[in-house]
Amino acid sequence: MGKTIIIAGAGHGGLAAGALLAEKGFDVTVYEKKKETELGYDWTDIFAPGALAVAGIPMPDKEKFTYKENMTFYSPNCKKGLVQDVPEGQLEIKMERRDIYELLVTHARRNGVKFVFECEVKGAILFGSRVVGIRTDKGEYYADLVIDAAGMDSPIRKSLPQFLSIEKEEGEFSRFYVYRAFYNKASDEPAKDPYKIYMLPQGKIGIGWVASEEDFTDVLIGRFAPLTEEEIKSSFEAMQSENPRLGTEVKRGGQLVSIPVRQPLSVLVADGYAAIGDSAFMTVPIIGSGIANSFKAARILADTIIADKDCAFDIQTLWKYQTDFYKKLGSGLAGLACVKLLLTDLRPEELDYMFETGVLTADDLTIGADSTSLLAILGGIAPADIANKVKNVVRDKVLLKKILLTGKRMAKVTAVVSAMPKKPSKCAVSAWAKKYEACFRL
């Protein structure tokens, strides 16, 4: 076949797509700024194992993963905890980030993907309206197609001209600032709830968690604004007062990072270009995990590219990736982004009320890292439960207004996504993208 494909950045979705394409005879090269041994944060992550099979990736060895525990969600005042009950067949696996990367890189190499590490991508090379290559600190590289897997702050996406209608910036409440570290175990006292999630902790817009493992305690502090050392210290001390097992010695991690938590990119493709993973904001907006979604998107993208028998790789042939992604994944993720905006607007006492009156239940919070549909929130709720939720919400007029506004926003998003152009003319795509993006403005 001989057609060359550049993957900019070693993102999960890019690696998975590259492996599928190299297997079919495409000449695929990944350009990544880090060393191979530095890929992945020094912590674990969770995802649905079925997504590996979708992308043709083998399951990891059994000693490389465990199954995630059910989470207990606590209201801001910590008086009410709601425990998930994820069915056994839907349990997600937990792996070290670096082990995930080792699995993906090994699989990609086995399929014929080439790697250039310690090569920083600087931006796209265009010929007219077509992306024809990438600029790096090691020189320029050209290809028939560039797959952008360079992350939320992708220099490729940010360098594209405005007329391609591809968003460059993430927007308000779209970036989550996270501190995460693994601390020593201060006592052998068994944890009542091994995996605690704190909602709006200390009245701040964000979350925190304390996960008690056998030999350490996993701590996360997350906010929608950059974290200061003072805020990390204050939040940690509040967690420690509630969790006697939590020690003070950092065993590993201790990193400050930011992750995308917003609706998917409005336009994923252009002539010679396709975005995937964090570059395209494919994380679950409420919890920030996007590994499973990236694997599934990799299959959609690879199938679209392979089906392009003329190897045009232009917006006309790549548009099927756009439409299939939104049909299978993107529409649900966009709906969950509306729920996330509601959570950023709630006052702590409103969320306490929702916990205490049954407006929120454990079933409502059984959202996994593979969730792409509001059915994950609403599925299985009996009519009597719905009636009880409505009755309790009506008692609080301000809260009712916020929830009704969220419902209206979700309905608008659903209508706009369903009206996505079937064929991608420049004017039609631009007009649609503006309507989609407007759905999420506060």
Protein backbone atom coordinates (compact mmCIF):
# COMPACT_ATOMS: atom_id res chain seq x y z
CA MET A 1 0.00 0.00 0.00
CA GLY A 2 2.85 2.38 0.87
CA LYS A 3 0.78 5.32 2.13
CA THR A 4 2.48 7.14 4.99
CA ILE A 5 0.76 8.10 8.23
CA ILE A 6 2.26 10.25 10.96
CA ILE A 7 0.96 9.97 14.50
CA ALA A 8 1.81 13.12 16.43
CA GLY A 9 2.25 12.15 20.06
CA ALA A 10 2.04 8.76 21.76
CA GLY A 11 -1.54 9.09 23.01
CA HIS A 12 -3.49 5.91 23.74
CA GLY A 13 -5.88 6.34 20.81
CA GLY A 14 -3.10 7.18 18.37
CA LEU A 15 -1.11 4.10 19.33
CA ALA A 16 -4.17 1.87 18.99
CA ALA A 17 -5.10 3.34 15.59
CA GLY A 18 -1.50 3.11 14.40
CA ALA A 19 -1.34 -0.60 15.26
CA LEU A 20 -4.54 -1.30 13.32
CA LEU A 21 -3.31 0.63 10.28
CA ALA A 22 0.24 -0.79 10.25
CA GLU A 23 -1.27 -4.26 10.37
CA LYS A 24 -3.04 -3.42 7.10
CA GLY A 25 0.17 -2.30 5.38
CA PHE A 26 0.26 1.45 6.03
CA ASP A 27 3.64 3.04 6.77
CA VAL A 28 3.04 4.41 10.28
CA THR A 29 5.48 6.43 12.41
CA VAL A 30 4.86 7.88 15.88
CA TYR A 31 6.71 11.07 16.89
CA GLU A 32 6.83 11.58 20.65
CA LYS A 33 8.68 14.21 22.72
CA LYS A 34 9.31 11.95 25.74
CA LYS A 35 11.68 9.04 26.12
CA GLU A 36 10.01 5.65 25.83
CA THR A 37 10.77 4.94 29.49
CA GLU A 38 9.01 8.17 30.54
CA LEU A 39 5.61 7.47 28.98
CA GLY A 40 2.73 7.56 31.46
CA TYR A 41 2.27 9.11 34.88
CA ASP A 42 3.51 7.36 38.00
CA TRP A 43 0.05 6.14 38.98
CA THR A 44 -2.73 3.73 38.06
CA ASP A 45 -5.70 4.26 35.76
CA ILE A 46 -8.95 2.42 35.10
CA PHE A 47 -10.78 1.44 31.93
CA ALA A 48 -13.21 -1.14 30.60
CA PRO A 49 -11.23 -4.17 29.36
CA GLY A 50 -13.70 -4.78 26.51
CA ALA A 51 -12.31 -1.68 24.78
CA LEU A 52 -9.02 -3.51 24.24
CA ALA A 53 -10.75 -6.16 22.15
CA VAL A 54 -12.51 -3.47 20.09
CA ALA A 55 -9.11 -2.05 19.12
CA GLY A 56 -7.54 -5.47 18.56
CA ILE A 57 -5.23 -5.13 21.56
CA PRO A 58 -4.49 -8.25 23.63
CA MET A 59 -5.44 -8.42 27.31
CA PRO A 60 -2.51 -7.73 29.64
CA ASP A 61 -1.00 -10.51 31.72
CA LYS A 62 -3.05 -11.22 34.86
CA GLU A 63 -0.31 -9.95 37.18
CA LYS A 64 -0.44 -6.54 35.43
CA PHE A 65 -3.97 -5.58 36.52
CA THR A 66 -6.60 -5.82 39.23
CA TYR A 67 -10.32 -5.05 39.20
CA LYS A 68 -11.47 -1.66 40.45
CA GLU A 69 -13.36 -1.48 43.74
CA ASN A 70 -16.80 0.10 44.02
CA MET A 71 -16.60 3.78 44.98
CA THR A 72 -18.43 5.51 47.85
CA PHE A 73 -19.48 9.07 46.98
CA TYR A 74 -19.72 11.53 49.89
CA SER A 75 -21.76 14.72 50.00
CA PRO A 76 -19.89 17.98 50.73
CA ASN A 77 -20.79 17.81 54.44
CA CYS A 78 -19.64 14.13 54.50
CA LYS A 79 -22.87 13.09 56.27
CA LYS A 80 -24.15 10.84 53.49
CA GLY A 81 -22.27 8.24 51.46
CA LEU A 82 -23.62 6.51 48.36
CA VAL A 83 -21.96 3.21 47.44
CA GLN A 84 -21.75 2.08 43.83
CA ASP A 85 -22.83 -1.44 42.94
CA VAL A 86 -21.22 -2.15 39.57
CA PRO A 87 -22.31 -5.57 38.18
CA GLU A 88 -19.45 -8.07 38.10
CA GLY A 89 -19.52 -8.34 34.31
CA GLN A 90 -19.04 -4.59 33.97
CA LEU A 91 -16.08 -4.21 36.32
CA GLU A 92 -13.22 -2.10 35.04
CA ILE A 93 -9.59 -3.02 35.35
CA LYS A 94 -6.93 -0.98 37.11
CA MET A 95 -3.42 -0.84 35.67
CA GLU A 96 -0.24 1.14 36.11
CA ARG A 97 -0.12 3.85 33.45
CA ARG A 98 3.35 2.73 32.43
CA ASP A 99 2.19 -0.87 32.04
CA ILE A 100 -0.64 0.35 29.79
CA TYR A 101 1.91 2.13 27.61
CA GLU A 102 4.20 -0.89 27.53
CA LEU A 103 1.28 -3.00 26.33
CA LEU A 104 0.34 -0.47 23.61
CA VAL A 105 3.86 0.21 22.35
CA THR A 106 4.76 -3.49 22.25
CA HIS A 107 1.55 -4.27 20.35
CA ALA A 108 2.10 -1.39 17.91
CA ARG A 109 5.71 -2.41 17.21
CA ARG A 110 4.63 -6.00 16.65
CA ASN A 111 2.20 -4.74 14.00
CA GLY A 112 4.89 -2.67 12.25
CA VAL A 113 4.60 0.82 13.78
CA LYS A 114 7.87 2.79 13.93
CA PHE A 115 8.74 5.19 16.76
CA VAL A 116 10.81 8.35 17.00
CA PHE A 117 11.15 9.32 20.66
CA GLU A 118 12.64 12.53 22.08
CA CYS A 119 11.23 14.41 19.11
CA GLU A 120 8.98 17.32 20.07
CA VAL A 121 6.15 18.18 17.71
CA LYS A 122 5.86 21.94 17.17
CA GLY A 123 2.99 22.31 14.71
CA ALA A 124 1.36 21.32 11.44
CA ILE A 125 2.70 21.85 7.93
CA LEU A 126 -0.03 22.91 5.51
CA PHE A 127 -0.25 23.12 1.74
CA GLY A 128 -3.28 25.27 1.10
CA SER A 129 -6.02 23.82 3.31
CA ARG A 130 -4.41 20.39 3.61
CA VAL A 131 -2.22 19.16 6.47
CA VAL A 132 0.79 17.53 4.82
CA GLY A 133 3.17 17.01 7.72
CA ILE A 134 4.53 18.14 11.07
CA ARG A 135 7.23 20.52 12.28
CA THR A 136 9.42 19.16 15.07
CA ASP A 137 12.58 20.16 16.92
CA LYS A 138 14.36 17.56 14.77
CA GLY A 139 13.06 18.85 11.43
CA GLU A 140 10.04 18.54 9.17
CA TYR A 141 8.29 15.28 8.33
CA TYR A 142 5.68 14.73 5.63
CA ALA A 143 2.90 12.17 5.23
CA ASP A 144 -0.37 11.46 3.46
CA LEU A 145 -2.24 11.74 6.77
CA VAL A 146 -1.47 13.17 10.21
CA ILE A 147 -3.26 11.66 13.22
CA ASP A 148 -3.18 14.11 16.11
CA ALA A 149 -2.67 12.25 19.40
CA ALA A 150 -0.62 15.00 21.05
CA GLY A 151 -2.99 15.70 23.94
CA MET A 152 -5.23 18.47 25.19
CA ASP A 153 -2.65 21.16 24.38
CA SER A 154 -1.78 19.67 21.01
CA PRO A 155 0.53 22.01 19.05
CA ILE A 156 -0.88 20.46 15.88
CA ARG A 157 -4.49 21.39 16.62
CA LYS A 158 -3.53 24.82 17.95
CA SER A 159 -1.55 25.62 14.78
CA LEU A 160 -4.41 24.91 12.37
CA PRO A 161 -5.96 27.90 10.57
CA GLN A 162 -9.34 29.20 11.76
CA PHE A 163 -11.10 28.39 8.48
CA LEU A 164 -10.85 24.65 9.21
CA SER A 165 -13.37 25.17 12.08
CA ILE A 166 -11.35 23.07 14.53
CA GLU A 167 -11.38 24.44 18.09
CA LYS A 168 -8.01 25.48 19.47
CA GLU A 169 -8.91 26.25 23.09
CA GLU A 170 -10.85 24.16 25.59
CA GLY A 171 -13.21 26.74 27.11
CA GLU A 172 -14.41 27.35 30.68
CA PHE A 173 -14.62 24.43 33.14
CA SER A 174 -12.93 22.18 30.57
CA ARG A 175 -9.59 21.64 32.29
CA PHE A 176 -9.29 19.79 35.59
CA TYR A 177 -6.21 20.50 37.74
CA VAL A 178 -5.14 17.43 39.67
CA TYR A 179 -2.68 16.57 42.43
CA ARG A 180 -2.22 12.85 42.96
CA ALA A 181 0.13 10.91 45.22
CA PHE A 182 0.46 7.55 46.95
CA TYR A 183 1.07 7.88 50.70
CA ASN A 184 2.31 5.41 53.29
CA LYS A 185 -0.15 3.47 55.42
CA ALA A 186 -0.32 5.06 58.89
CA SER A 187 -2.21 2.20 60.55
CA ASP A 188 -3.54 -1.27 59.90
CA GLU A 189 -7.06 -0.23 60.80
CA PRO A 190 -9.33 -1.53 58.02
CA ALA A 191 -10.99 1.14 55.90
CA LYS A 192 -14.78 1.18 56.15
CA ASP A 193 -15.05 2.48 52.58
CA PRO A 194 -11.89 1.53 50.65
CA TYR A 195 -12.52 4.00 47.79
CA LYS A 196 -13.99 7.35 48.91
CA ILE A 197 -14.96 10.14 46.52
CA TYR A 198 -15.54 13.56 48.09
CA MET A 199 -17.87 15.87 46.13
CA LEU A 200 -17.24 19.64 46.36
CA PRO A 201 -14.78 19.11 49.22
CA GLN A 202 -14.37 22.11 51.54
CA GLY A 203 -16.93 23.91 49.40
CA LYS A 204 -14.56 24.00 46.41
CA ILE A 205 -15.70 23.19 42.86
CA GLY A 206 -14.01 19.86 42.34
CA ILE A 207 -13.56 16.41 43.83
CA GLY A 208 -11.12 14.46 45.96
CA TRP A 209 -10.57 10.81 46.63
CA VAL A 210 -8.89 8.54 49.16
CA ALA A 211 -8.38 4.95 48.02
CA SER A 212 -7.01 2.59 50.66
CA GLU A 213 -4.81 -0.07 49.08
CA GLU A 214 -3.04 -2.92 50.88
CA ASP A 215 0.31 -1.13 51.22
CA PHE A 216 -0.49 2.54 50.56
CA THR A 217 -3.25 5.14 50.25
CA ASP A 218 -4.01 6.76 46.89
CA VAL A 219 -4.96 10.44 47.21
CA LEU A 220 -6.35 12.75 44.53
CA ILE A 221 -7.24 16.43 44.88
CA GLY A 222 -8.89 17.98 41.83
CA ARG A 223 -10.18 21.49 41.06
CA PHE A 224 -11.29 23.55 38.07
CA ALA A 225 -8.67 26.18 38.94
CA PRO A 226 -4.90 25.77 39.37
CA LEU A 227 -4.02 24.27 42.74
CA THR A 228 -1.76 26.08 45.19
CA GLU A 229 0.51 24.34 47.72
CA GLU A 230 -1.61 25.85 50.50
CA GLU A 231 -4.81 24.42 49.04
CA ILE A 232 -3.24 20.97 48.59
CA LYS A 233 -2.05 21.05 52.21
CA SER A 234 -5.45 22.14 53.53
CA SER A 235 -7.33 19.52 51.48
CA PHE A 236 -4.90 16.78 52.50
CA GLU A 237 -5.28 17.60 56.20
CA ALA A 238 -9.08 17.47 55.87
CA MET A 239 -8.80 14.03 54.22
CA GLN A 240 -6.39 12.82 56.87
CA SER A 241 -8.80 13.74 59.67
CA GLU A 242 -11.41 11.46 58.06
CA ASN A 243 -9.01 8.63 57.15
CA PRO A 244 -6.71 7.37 59.94
CA ARG A 245 -4.91 4.98 57.56
CA LEU A 246 -3.60 7.94 55.53
CA GLY A 247 0.04 8.66 56.36
CA THR A 248 2.16 11.70 55.50
CA GLU A 249 5.04 10.17 53.51
CA VAL A 250 4.74 10.31 49.71
CA LYS A 251 5.77 6.92 48.37
CA ARG A 252 5.28 7.78 44.69
CA GLY A 253 3.47 10.22 42.43
CA GLY A 254 3.08 13.69 43.91
CA GLN A 255 2.51 15.20 40.48
CA LEU A 256 0.42 18.19 39.45
CA VAL A 257 -1.21 17.69 36.06
CA SER A 258 -4.25 18.89 34.14
CA ILE A 259 -6.71 16.73 32.23
CA PRO A 260 -9.57 17.51 29.81
CA VAL A 261 -13.13 17.19 31.15
CA ARG A 262 -15.36 18.62 28.44
CA GLN A 263 -17.45 17.68 25.43
CA PRO A 264 -15.67 16.15 22.42
CA LEU A 265 -14.10 18.42 19.84
CA SER A 266 -16.75 19.79 17.48
CA VAL A 267 -14.82 18.97 14.29
CA LEU A 268 -12.40 16.03 14.37
CA VAL A 269 -11.11 16.06 10.78
CA ALA A 270 -9.74 18.17 7.94
CA ASP A 271 -7.93 17.38 4.70
CA GLY A 272 -4.98 15.23 5.76
CA TYR A 273 -5.82 15.47 9.47
CA ALA A 274 -7.71 13.57 12.18
CA ALA A 275 -7.75 14.15 15.97
CA ILE A 276 -8.13 11.40 18.56
CA GLY A 277 -7.97 10.93 22.33
CA ASP A 278 -7.24 13.93 24.52
CA SER A 279 -6.47 16.00 21.41
CA ALA A 280 -10.14 15.58 20.57
CA PHE A 281 -11.37 15.71 24.21
CA MET A 282 -12.67 12.13 24.32
CA THR A 283 -12.63 11.78 28.11
CA VAL A 284 -15.77 11.14 30.15
CA PRO A 285 -16.50 14.75 31.25
CA ILE A 286 -17.54 13.88 34.81
CA ILE A 287 -14.59 11.64 35.74
CA GLY A 288 -11.88 12.54 33.23
CA SER A 289 -10.94 9.05 32.01
CA GLY A 290 -10.73 8.55 28.27
CA ILE A 291 -8.68 5.41 27.65
CA ALA A 292 -11.58 3.15 26.67
CA ASN A 293 -13.16 5.83 24.48
CA SER A 294 -9.83 6.40 22.73
CA PHE A 295 -9.49 2.69 21.95
CA LYS A 296 -13.01 2.59 20.51
CA ALA A 297 -12.37 5.76 18.50
CA ALA A 298 -9.17 4.16 17.16
CA ARG A 299 -11.23 1.36 15.64
CA ILE A 300 -13.66 3.84 14.06
CA LEU A 301 -10.80 5.93 12.63
CA ALA A 302 -8.83 2.95 11.34
CA ASP A 303 -11.90 1.45 9.65
CA THR A 304 -12.60 4.82 8.01
CA ILE A 305 -9.04 5.14 6.70
CA ILE A 306 -8.91 1.55 5.45
CA ALA A 307 -12.24 2.04 3.63
CA ASP A 308 -10.76 4.98 1.67
CA LYS A 309 -9.63 2.91 -1.31
CA ASP A 310 -8.28 5.95 -3.17
CA CYS A 311 -6.30 7.04 -0.09
CA ALA A 312 -7.55 10.60 -0.47
CA PHE A 313 -7.63 11.13 3.30
CA ASP A 314 -9.54 14.37 2.87
CA ILE A 315 -12.50 15.72 4.83
CA GLN A 316 -14.91 13.98 2.47
CA THR A 317 -13.58 10.50 3.20
CA LEU A 318 -12.65 11.17 6.84
CA TRP A 319 -16.08 12.60 7.67
CA LYS A 320 -17.36 9.07 8.31
CA TYR A 321 -15.03 8.97 11.32
CA GLN A 322 -16.68 12.17 12.58
CA THR A 323 -20.25 10.93 12.13
CA ASP A 324 -19.63 7.39 13.40
CA PHE A 325 -17.78 8.67 16.46
CA TYR A 326 -20.66 10.95 17.41
CA LYS A 327 -23.23 8.24 16.75
CA LYS A 328 -21.44 5.66 18.91
CA LEU A 329 -19.66 7.77 21.53
CA GLY A 330 -19.67 11.53 21.10
CA SER A 331 -23.36 12.25 21.55
CA GLY A 332 -23.43 10.57 24.97
CA LEU A 333 -20.22 12.30 26.05
CA ALA A 334 -21.68 15.66 25.02
CA GLY A 335 -24.75 14.95 27.17
CA LEU A 336 -22.56 14.11 30.16
CA ALA A 337 -20.73 17.41 29.62
CA CYS A 338 -24.05 19.14 30.35
CA VAL A 339 -24.31 17.22 33.64
CA LYS A 340 -20.76 18.31 34.48
CA LEU A 341 -21.75 21.95 33.93
CA LEU A 342 -24.61 21.44 36.39
CA LEU A 343 -22.19 20.07 39.00
CA THR A 344 -19.96 23.15 38.60
CA ASP A 345 -23.00 25.35 39.29
CA LEU A 346 -24.26 23.59 42.41
CA ARG A 347 -23.68 25.06 45.85
CA PRO A 348 -22.45 22.57 48.51
CA GLU A 349 -25.74 22.77 50.41
CA GLU A 350 -27.68 21.98 47.22
CA LEU A 351 -25.61 18.86 46.64
CA ASP A 352 -26.03 17.89 50.32
CA TYR A 353 -29.80 18.20 49.81
CA MET A 354 -29.68 15.99 46.70
CA PHE A 355 -27.80 13.29 48.61
CA GLU A 356 -30.03 13.43 51.70
CA THR A 357 -33.42 13.47 49.95
CA GLY A 358 -32.74 10.76 47.37
CA VAL A 359 -32.55 13.09 44.37
CA LEU A 360 -29.14 11.46 43.87
CA THR A 361 -28.79 7.74 44.51
CA ALA A 362 -26.01 5.17 44.28
CA ASP A 363 -27.38 4.05 40.90
CA ASP A 364 -27.12 7.60 39.57
CA LEU A 365 -23.43 7.66 40.51
CA THR A 366 -22.53 4.30 39.00
CA ILE A 367 -20.66 5.97 36.15
CA GLY A 368 -17.60 4.12 34.92
CA ALA A 369 -14.62 5.20 32.89
CA ASP A 370 -16.34 3.60 29.88
CA SER A 371 -19.61 5.52 30.28
CA THR A 372 -20.74 7.29 27.13
CA SER A 373 -24.46 7.54 27.68
CA LEU A 374 -26.88 9.13 30.09
CA LEU A 375 -28.43 5.68 30.31
CA ALA A 376 -25.55 5.00 32.71
CA ILE A 377 -27.19 7.54 35.01
CA LEU A 378 -30.88 6.98 34.31
CA GLY A 379 -31.03 3.30 33.39
CA GLY A 380 -33.09 1.06 35.61
CA ILE A 381 -34.72 3.81 37.67
CA ALA A 382 -38.26 2.80 38.60
CA PRO A 383 -41.17 5.23 37.97
CA ALA A 384 -41.73 5.53 41.75
CA ASP A 385 -38.09 6.58 42.20
CA ILE A 386 -38.44 9.20 39.47
CA ALA A 387 -41.59 10.55 41.13
CA ASN A 388 -39.74 10.79 44.45
CA LYS A 389 -36.83 12.65 42.81
CA VAL A 390 -39.19 15.14 41.16
CA LYS A 391 -41.10 15.73 44.40
CA ASN A 392 -37.91 16.49 46.32
CA VAL A 393 -36.43 18.74 43.63
CA VAL A 394 -39.65 20.80 43.41
CA ARG A 395 -39.21 21.72 47.08
CA ASP A 396 -36.07 23.70 46.19
CA LYS A 397 -37.01 26.24 43.50
CA VAL A 398 -33.43 27.40 42.81
CA LEU A 399 -32.20 23.83 42.43
CA LEU A 400 -35.20 23.01 40.24
CA LYS A 401 -34.31 25.91 37.94
CA LYS A 402 -30.74 24.68 37.56
CA ILE A 403 -31.86 21.13 36.78
CA LEU A 404 -34.45 22.32 34.25
CA LEU A 405 -31.79 24.46 32.56
CA THR A 406 -29.54 21.41 32.34
CA GLY A 407 -32.37 19.39 30.80
CA LYS A 408 -32.93 22.13 28.25
CA ARG A 409 -29.21 22.23 27.45
CA MET A 410 -29.09 18.46 27.00
CA ALA A 411 -32.10 18.50 24.68
CA LYS A 412 -30.45 21.19 22.59
CA VAL A 413 -27.18 19.23 22.39
CA THR A 414 -29.04 16.11 21.28
CA ALA A 415 -30.87 18.06 18.57
CA VAL A 416 -27.71 19.76 17.32
CA VAL A 417 -25.69 16.52 17.18
CA SER A 418 -28.49 14.80 15.27
CA ALA A 419 -28.39 17.64 12.73
CA MET A 420 -24.68 17.14 11.97
CA PRO A 421 -24.11 17.57 8.20
CA LYS A 422 -24.21 14.28 6.32
CA LYS A 423 -21.75 15.67 3.78
CA PRO A 424 -19.00 18.09 4.87
CA SER A 425 -19.15 21.31 2.88
CA LYS A 426 -17.05 24.13 4.35
CA CYS A 427 -20.05 26.35 5.12
CA ALA A 428 -22.19 23.55 6.54
CA VAL A 429 -19.42 22.28 8.85
CA SER A 430 -18.58 25.79 10.08
CA ALA A 431 -22.22 26.62 10.82
CA TRP A 432 -22.82 23.32 12.60
CA ALA A 433 -19.67 23.63 14.71
CA LYS A 434 -20.73 27.09 15.93
CA LYS A 435 -24.14 25.76 17.01
CA TYR A 436 -22.57 22.80 18.80
CA GLU A 437 -19.98 24.89 20.62
CA ALA A 438 -22.66 27.42 21.67
CA CYS A 439 -24.51 24.65 23.56
CA PHE A 440 -21.81 24.59 26.25
CA ARG A 441 -21.34 28.32 26.86
CA LEU A 442 -22.33 29.45 30.33
